[in-house]
Amino acid sequence: MIHGIINVYKEKGFTSHDVVAKLRKIAGQKKIGHTGTLDPEAEGVLPVCFGKATKLCGLLTEEDKTYETVLLLGRTTDTQDAAGRVLSQKSADFLTEEEVTHAVLSFAGEYWQIPPMYSALKVNGKRLYELARKGQEVERKARRVSLYDVRVLHMSLPRVRMSVTCSRGTYIRTLCHDVGESLGCGGCMDPRRTLFYRERP
């Protein structure tokens, strides 16, 4: 049996669970676990624990993480990323770079975030994404998340590349959605741009 941690570069189209399932077949062992859930459209480093190292999964999952993502302004979708069904479309031409930067940076610190319907969270024993696929929407409790560091890396409106270091349980898709709402034009995460993931040093 293999024991240890391997950093896997997760490509688009795979869930964290898919990565674990493939590694179980490759390694020929069942005792494998991942250290954090990444969206199917996300790309980035996913530490995977083997054998005795699976005892560390819970500890690593609790760690803060840093993401690099692209916010697409002017569009809202049912999944809160640009791969989802478009719910609204609005021009973001009225915005200035200064206004957008101020809005993004204003989310630094703690804020109450409502988890997206397309997520693995359970409500009354049902995964939210299972209900969403049936066209159902249920009330979700807002959760306090912490954004320790938020930076605008590059801007070419309506797209904004940003880096976010945050606490466990933060949905970057939802952050993009919330920034768009605060600017009055809507927004979503652009999955055509790379989303990196790494443990915070």
C-alpha atoms as a PDB file:
ATOM      1  CA  MET A   1       0.000   0.000   0.000  1.00  0.00           C
ATOM      2  CA  ILE A   2       1.202   3.521  -0.838  1.00  0.00           C
ATOM      3  CA  HIS A   3       1.493   6.020   2.042  1.00  0.00           C
ATOM      4  CA  GLY A   4       2.051   9.732   1.535  1.00  0.00           C
ATOM      5  CA  ILE A   5       0.759  12.864  -0.211  1.00  0.00           C
ATOM      6  CA  ILE A   6       0.846  13.548  -3.951  1.00  0.00           C
ATOM      7  CA  ASN A   7       0.132  16.953  -5.497  1.00  0.00           C
ATOM      8  CA  VAL A   8      -2.133  16.326  -8.480  1.00  0.00           C
ATOM      9  CA  TYR A   9      -2.728  18.974 -11.135  1.00  0.00           C
ATOM     10  CA  LYS A  10      -6.491  18.743 -11.659  1.00  0.00           C
ATOM     11  CA  GLU A  11      -7.595  19.561 -15.191  1.00  0.00           C
ATOM     12  CA  LYS A  12     -10.958  20.944 -16.246  1.00  0.00           C
ATOM     13  CA  GLY A  13     -13.840  18.519 -16.469  1.00  0.00           C
ATOM     14  CA  PHE A  14     -12.920  16.507 -13.380  1.00  0.00           C
ATOM     15  CA  THR A  15     -14.282  16.801  -9.861  1.00  0.00           C
ATOM     16  CA  SER A  16     -12.053  16.148  -6.862  1.00  0.00           C
ATOM     17  CA  HIS A  17     -13.938  12.870  -6.421  1.00  0.00           C
ATOM     18  CA  ASP A  18     -13.133  11.923 -10.042  1.00  0.00           C
ATOM     19  CA  VAL A  19      -9.437  12.414  -9.313  1.00  0.00           C
ATOM     20  CA  VAL A  20      -9.609  10.123  -6.282  1.00  0.00           C
ATOM     21  CA  ALA A  21     -11.546   7.475  -8.245  1.00  0.00           C
ATOM     22  CA  LYS A  22      -8.940   7.447 -11.022  1.00  0.00           C
ATOM     23  CA  LEU A  23      -6.057   7.237  -8.561  1.00  0.00           C
ATOM     24  CA  ARG A  24      -7.702   4.297  -6.790  1.00  0.00           C
ATOM     25  CA  LYS A  25      -7.686   2.407 -10.075  1.00  0.00           C
ATOM     26  CA  ILE A  26      -4.108   3.395 -10.884  1.00  0.00           C
ATOM     27  CA  ALA A  27      -2.721   2.619  -7.417  1.00  0.00           C
ATOM     28  CA  GLY A  28      -4.926  -0.400  -6.788  1.00  0.00           C
ATOM     29  CA  GLN A  29      -5.903   0.725  -3.306  1.00  0.00           C
ATOM     30  CA  LYS A  30      -9.035   2.196  -1.744  1.00  0.00           C
ATOM     31  CA  LYS A  31      -7.534   4.247   1.060  1.00  0.00           C
ATOM     32  CA  ILE A  32      -7.149   7.556  -0.784  1.00  0.00           C
ATOM     33  CA  GLY A  33      -8.657  10.954   0.003  1.00  0.00           C
ATOM     34  CA  HIS A  34      -8.466  14.523  -1.293  1.00  0.00           C
ATOM     35  CA  THR A  35      -7.900  17.674   0.728  1.00  0.00           C
ATOM     36  CA  GLY A  36     -10.473  20.018  -0.771  1.00  0.00           C
ATOM     37  CA  THR A  37     -13.327  20.171  -3.240  1.00  0.00           C
ATOM     38  CA  LEU A  38     -12.567  21.916  -6.529  1.00  0.00           C
ATOM     39  CA  ASP A  39     -15.263  22.739  -9.079  1.00  0.00           C
ATOM     40  CA  PRO A  40     -15.248  20.625 -12.265  1.00  0.00           C
ATOM     41  CA  GLU A  41     -14.247  23.700 -14.301  1.00  0.00           C
ATOM     42  CA  ALA A  42     -11.388  24.574 -11.958  1.00  0.00           C
ATOM     43  CA  GLU A  43      -7.768  23.827 -12.719  1.00  0.00           C
ATOM     44  CA  GLY A  44      -5.119  23.636 -10.055  1.00  0.00           C
ATOM     45  CA  VAL A  45      -3.121  21.710  -7.497  1.00  0.00           C
ATOM     46  CA  LEU A  46      -5.078  19.203  -5.425  1.00  0.00           C
ATOM     47  CA  PRO A  47      -3.107  17.418  -2.665  1.00  0.00           C
ATOM     48  CA  VAL A  48      -4.231  13.767  -2.478  1.00  0.00           C
ATOM     49  CA  CYS A  49      -3.459  11.574   0.546  1.00  0.00           C
ATOM     50  CA  PHE A  50      -2.649   7.858   0.321  1.00  0.00           C
ATOM     51  CA  GLY A  51      -2.808   5.173   3.021  1.00  0.00           C
ATOM     52  CA  LYS A  52      -1.832   6.374   6.504  1.00  0.00           C
ATOM     53  CA  ALA A  53      -1.594   9.945   5.207  1.00  0.00           C
ATOM     54  CA  THR A  54      -5.409  10.057   4.812  1.00  0.00           C
ATOM     55  CA  LYS A  55      -5.450  10.938   8.523  1.00  0.00           C
ATOM     56  CA  LEU A  56      -4.209  14.364   7.404  1.00  0.00           C
ATOM     57  CA  CYS A  57      -7.138  15.025   5.045  1.00  0.00           C
ATOM     58  CA  GLY A  58      -9.247  16.705   7.700  1.00  0.00           C
ATOM     59  CA  LEU A  59      -6.354  18.853   8.901  1.00  0.00           C
ATOM     60  CA  LEU A  60      -5.390  20.032   5.419  1.00  0.00           C
ATOM     61  CA  THR A  61      -9.001  20.714   4.459  1.00  0.00           C
ATOM     62  CA  GLU A  62      -9.237  23.160   7.352  1.00  0.00           C
ATOM     63  CA  GLU A  63      -6.273  25.181   6.049  1.00  0.00           C
ATOM     64  CA  ASP A  64      -6.666  28.532   4.315  1.00  0.00           C
ATOM     65  CA  LYS A  65      -6.291  28.507   0.533  1.00  0.00           C
ATOM     66  CA  THR A  66      -5.325  30.878  -2.250  1.00  0.00           C
ATOM     67  CA  TYR A  67      -7.170  30.994  -5.571  1.00  0.00           C
ATOM     68  CA  GLU A  68      -6.516  32.880  -8.776  1.00  0.00           C
ATOM     69  CA  THR A  69      -9.618  33.409 -10.841  1.00  0.00           C
ATOM     70  CA  VAL A  70     -11.275  35.637 -13.432  1.00  0.00           C
ATOM     71  CA  LEU A  71     -14.457  37.548 -12.722  1.00  0.00           C
ATOM     72  CA  LEU A  72     -16.648  38.122 -15.777  1.00  0.00           C
ATOM     73  CA  LEU A  73     -18.857  41.165 -15.232  1.00  0.00           C
ATOM     74  CA  GLY A  74     -22.259  41.691 -16.837  1.00  0.00           C
ATOM     75  CA  ARG A  75     -23.519  38.100 -16.722  1.00  0.00           C
ATOM     76  CA  THR A  76     -25.259  35.961 -14.111  1.00  0.00           C
ATOM     77  CA  THR A  77     -25.812  32.213 -14.437  1.00  0.00           C
ATOM     78  CA  ASP A  78     -27.478  29.427 -12.499  1.00  0.00           C
ATOM     79  CA  THR A  79     -24.090  27.911 -11.566  1.00  0.00           C
ATOM     80  CA  GLN A  80     -22.419  31.267 -10.887  1.00  0.00           C
ATOM     81  CA  ASP A  81     -19.768  30.501 -13.504  1.00  0.00           C
ATOM     82  CA  ALA A  82     -19.785  31.221 -17.230  1.00  0.00           C
ATOM     83  CA  ALA A  83     -20.387  27.553 -18.065  1.00  0.00           C
ATOM     84  CA  GLY A  84     -23.896  27.708 -16.587  1.00  0.00           C
ATOM     85  CA  ARG A  85     -27.261  28.740 -18.009  1.00  0.00           C
ATOM     86  CA  VAL A  86     -27.409  32.499 -18.486  1.00  0.00           C
ATOM     87  CA  LEU A  87     -29.979  34.174 -16.239  1.00  0.00           C
ATOM     88  CA  SER A  88     -29.217  37.795 -17.074  1.00  0.00           C
ATOM     89  CA  GLN A  89     -26.946  39.799 -19.333  1.00  0.00           C
ATOM     90  CA  LYS A  90     -26.106  43.460 -18.847  1.00  0.00           C
ATOM     91  CA  SER A  91     -23.434  45.753 -20.186  1.00  0.00           C
ATOM     92  CA  ALA A  92     -20.641  46.671 -17.800  1.00  0.00           C
ATOM     93  CA  ASP A  93     -19.450  49.549 -19.998  1.00  0.00           C
ATOM     94  CA  PHE A  94     -20.608  52.132 -17.461  1.00  0.00           C
ATOM     95  CA  LEU A  95     -18.015  50.918 -14.934  1.00  0.00           C
ATOM     96  CA  THR A  96     -14.547  52.360 -14.490  1.00  0.00           C
ATOM     97  CA  GLU A  97     -11.502  50.360 -13.439  1.00  0.00           C
ATOM     98  CA  GLU A  98     -11.344  52.359 -10.220  1.00  0.00           C
ATOM     99  CA  GLU A  99     -14.946  51.456  -9.332  1.00  0.00           C
ATOM    100  CA  VAL A 100     -14.357  47.776 -10.040  1.00  0.00           C
ATOM    101  CA  THR A 101     -11.125  47.687  -8.046  1.00  0.00           C
ATOM    102  CA  HIS A 102     -12.837  49.362  -5.080  1.00  0.00           C
ATOM    103  CA  ALA A 103     -15.704  46.843  -5.215  1.00  0.00           C
ATOM    104  CA  VAL A 104     -13.387  43.826  -5.359  1.00  0.00           C
ATOM    105  CA  LEU A 105     -11.187  45.027  -2.500  1.00  0.00           C
ATOM    106  CA  SER A 106     -14.223  45.906  -0.364  1.00  0.00           C
ATOM    107  CA  PHE A 107     -14.867  42.185   0.125  1.00  0.00           C
ATOM    108  CA  ALA A 108     -11.610  41.720   2.033  1.00  0.00           C
ATOM    109  CA  GLY A 109     -12.262  40.661   5.614  1.00  0.00           C
ATOM    110  CA  GLU A 110     -15.302  38.741   6.832  1.00  0.00           C
ATOM    111  CA  TYR A 111     -18.603  38.603   5.001  1.00  0.00           C
ATOM    112  CA  TRP A 112     -21.735  36.485   4.975  1.00  0.00           C
ATOM    113  CA  GLN A 113     -21.870  34.288   1.887  1.00  0.00           C
ATOM    114  CA  ILE A 114     -24.872  32.272   0.698  1.00  0.00           C
ATOM    115  CA  PRO A 115     -23.663  28.941  -0.774  1.00  0.00           C
ATOM    116  CA  PRO A 116     -24.650  28.334  -4.414  1.00  0.00           C
ATOM    117  CA  MET A 117     -27.331  25.837  -5.379  1.00  0.00           C
ATOM    118  CA  TYR A 118     -24.784  24.007  -7.510  1.00  0.00           C
ATOM    119  CA  SER A 119     -22.700  22.782  -4.583  1.00  0.00           C
ATOM    120  CA  ALA A 120     -22.189  19.535  -2.656  1.00  0.00           C
ATOM    121  CA  LEU A 121     -23.709  20.889   0.555  1.00  0.00           C
ATOM    122  CA  LYS A 122     -26.650  18.932   1.937  1.00  0.00           C
ATOM    123  CA  VAL A 123     -30.074  20.288   2.897  1.00  0.00           C
ATOM    124  CA  ASN A 124     -32.446  17.781   4.478  1.00  0.00           C
ATOM    125  CA  GLY A 125     -30.175  14.950   3.342  1.00  0.00           C
ATOM    126  CA  LYS A 126     -30.079  16.037  -0.297  1.00  0.00           C
ATOM    127  CA  ARG A 127     -27.093  17.479  -2.151  1.00  0.00           C
ATOM    128  CA  LEU A 128     -27.880  20.981  -3.373  1.00  0.00           C
ATOM    129  CA  TYR A 129     -26.636  20.249  -6.885  1.00  0.00           C
ATOM    130  CA  GLU A 130     -29.040  17.296  -7.099  1.00  0.00           C
ATOM    131  CA  LEU A 131     -31.958  19.612  -6.331  1.00  0.00           C
ATOM    132  CA  ALA A 132     -30.619  22.272  -8.711  1.00  0.00           C
ATOM    133  CA  ARG A 133     -30.484  19.775 -11.575  1.00  0.00           C
ATOM    134  CA  LYS A 134     -34.183  19.098 -10.985  1.00  0.00           C
ATOM    135  CA  GLY A 135     -34.903  22.795 -11.256  1.00  0.00           C
ATOM    136  CA  GLN A 136     -35.489  23.170  -7.520  1.00  0.00           C
ATOM    137  CA  GLU A 137     -34.148  25.974  -5.383  1.00  0.00           C
ATOM    138  CA  VAL A 138     -34.176  25.889  -1.584  1.00  0.00           C
ATOM    139  CA  GLU A 139     -33.270  28.399   1.068  1.00  0.00           C
ATOM    140  CA  ARG A 140     -29.623  28.263   2.155  1.00  0.00           C
ATOM    141  CA  LYS A 141     -28.207  29.727   5.324  1.00  0.00           C
ATOM    142  CA  ALA A 142     -25.552  32.373   4.866  1.00  0.00           C
ATOM    143  CA  ARG A 143     -22.144  31.419   6.250  1.00  0.00           C
ATOM    144  CA  ARG A 144     -19.451  33.758   7.499  1.00  0.00           C
ATOM    145  CA  VAL A 145     -16.263  33.408   5.465  1.00  0.00           C
ATOM    146  CA  SER A 146     -12.959  35.234   5.736  1.00  0.00           C
ATOM    147  CA  LEU A 147     -11.047  36.760   2.834  1.00  0.00           C
ATOM    148  CA  TYR A 148      -7.579  37.427   4.214  1.00  0.00           C
ATOM    149  CA  ASP A 149      -6.079  38.895   1.062  1.00  0.00           C
ATOM    150  CA  VAL A 150      -7.823  40.090  -2.111  1.00  0.00           C
ATOM    151  CA  ARG A 151      -5.840  41.486  -5.041  1.00  0.00           C
ATOM    152  CA  VAL A 152      -6.674  42.659  -8.542  1.00  0.00           C
ATOM    153  CA  LEU A 153      -3.938  41.194 -10.760  1.00  0.00           C
ATOM    154  CA  HIS A 154      -5.108  42.406 -14.170  1.00  0.00           C
ATOM    155  CA  MET A 155      -8.156  44.100 -15.594  1.00  0.00           C
ATOM    156  CA  SER A 156      -9.527  44.197 -19.121  1.00  0.00           C
ATOM    157  CA  LEU A 157     -13.205  44.916 -18.595  1.00  0.00           C
ATOM    158  CA  PRO A 158     -15.493  43.088 -18.443  1.00  0.00           C
ATOM    159  CA  ARG A 159     -12.910  40.583 -17.122  1.00  0.00           C
ATOM    160  CA  VAL A 160     -10.985  40.987 -13.895  1.00  0.00           C
ATOM    161  CA  ARG A 161      -8.236  38.577 -12.852  1.00  0.00           C
ATOM    162  CA  MET A 162      -7.873  38.448  -9.106  1.00  0.00           C
ATOM    163  CA  SER A 163      -6.143  36.531  -6.347  1.00  0.00           C
ATOM    164  CA  VAL A 164      -8.025  35.551  -3.191  1.00  0.00           C
ATOM    165  CA  THR A 165      -6.642  33.985  -0.009  1.00  0.00           C
ATOM    166  CA  CYS A 166      -9.574  32.761   2.034  1.00  0.00           C
ATOM    167  CA  SER A 167     -10.891  30.492   4.742  1.00  0.00           C
ATOM    168  CA  ARG A 168     -12.307  27.011   4.313  1.00  0.00           C
ATOM    169  CA  GLY A 169     -15.806  26.933   2.851  1.00  0.00           C
ATOM    170  CA  THR A 170     -15.451  30.007   0.653  1.00  0.00           C
ATOM    171  CA  TYR A 171     -17.026  29.702  -2.793  1.00  0.00           C
ATOM    172  CA  ILE A 172     -15.052  31.727  -5.324  1.00  0.00           C
ATOM    173  CA  ARG A 173     -17.930  31.470  -7.808  1.00  0.00           C
ATOM    174  CA  THR A 174     -20.195  33.092  -5.256  1.00  0.00           C
ATOM    175  CA  LEU A 175     -17.659  35.812  -4.542  1.00  0.00           C
ATOM    176  CA  CYS A 176     -17.627  36.658  -8.266  1.00  0.00           C
ATOM    177  CA  HIS A 177     -21.428  36.704  -8.244  1.00  0.00           C
ATOM    178  CA  ASP A 178     -21.535  38.944  -5.175  1.00  0.00           C
ATOM    179  CA  VAL A 179     -18.990  41.425  -6.560  1.00  0.00           C
ATOM    180  CA  GLY A 180     -21.079  41.685  -9.732  1.00  0.00           C
ATOM    181  CA  GLU A 181     -24.228  42.297  -7.710  1.00  0.00           C
ATOM    182  CA  SER A 182     -22.522  45.031  -5.717  1.00  0.00           C
ATOM    183  CA  LEU A 183     -21.588  46.776  -8.988  1.00  0.00           C
ATOM    184  CA  GLY A 184     -25.143  46.591 -10.317  1.00  0.00           C
ATOM    185  CA  CYS A 185     -24.349  44.584 -13.442  1.00  0.00           C
ATOM    186  CA  GLY A 186     -24.053  41.012 -12.182  1.00  0.00           C
ATOM    187  CA  GLY A 187     -21.059  38.763 -12.506  1.00  0.00           C
ATOM    188  CA  CYS A 188     -19.828  35.188 -12.619  1.00  0.00           C
ATOM    189  CA  MET A 189     -16.582  33.232 -12.632  1.00  0.00           C
ATOM    190  CA  ASP A 190     -15.060  32.671 -16.060  1.00  0.00           C
ATOM    191  CA  PRO A 191     -14.051  28.966 -16.243  1.00  0.00           C
ATOM    192  CA  ARG A 192     -12.269  29.532 -19.546  1.00  0.00           C
ATOM    193  CA  ARG A 193      -9.548  31.160 -17.476  1.00  0.00           C
ATOM    194  CA  THR A 194      -7.379  29.078 -15.173  1.00  0.00           C
ATOM    195  CA  LEU A 195      -8.268  28.829 -11.497  1.00  0.00           C
ATOM    196  CA  PHE A 196      -5.262  27.911  -9.387  1.00  0.00           C
ATOM    197  CA  TYR A 197      -5.403  26.381  -5.951  1.00  0.00           C
ATOM    198  CA  ARG A 198      -2.712  26.001  -3.356  1.00  0.00           C
ATOM    199  CA  GLU A 199      -2.385  25.716   0.376  1.00  0.00           C
ATOM    200  CA  ARG A 200      -1.583  28.983   2.100  1.00  0.00           C
ATOM    201  CA  PRO A 201       2.057  29.044   3.312  1.00  0.00           C
END
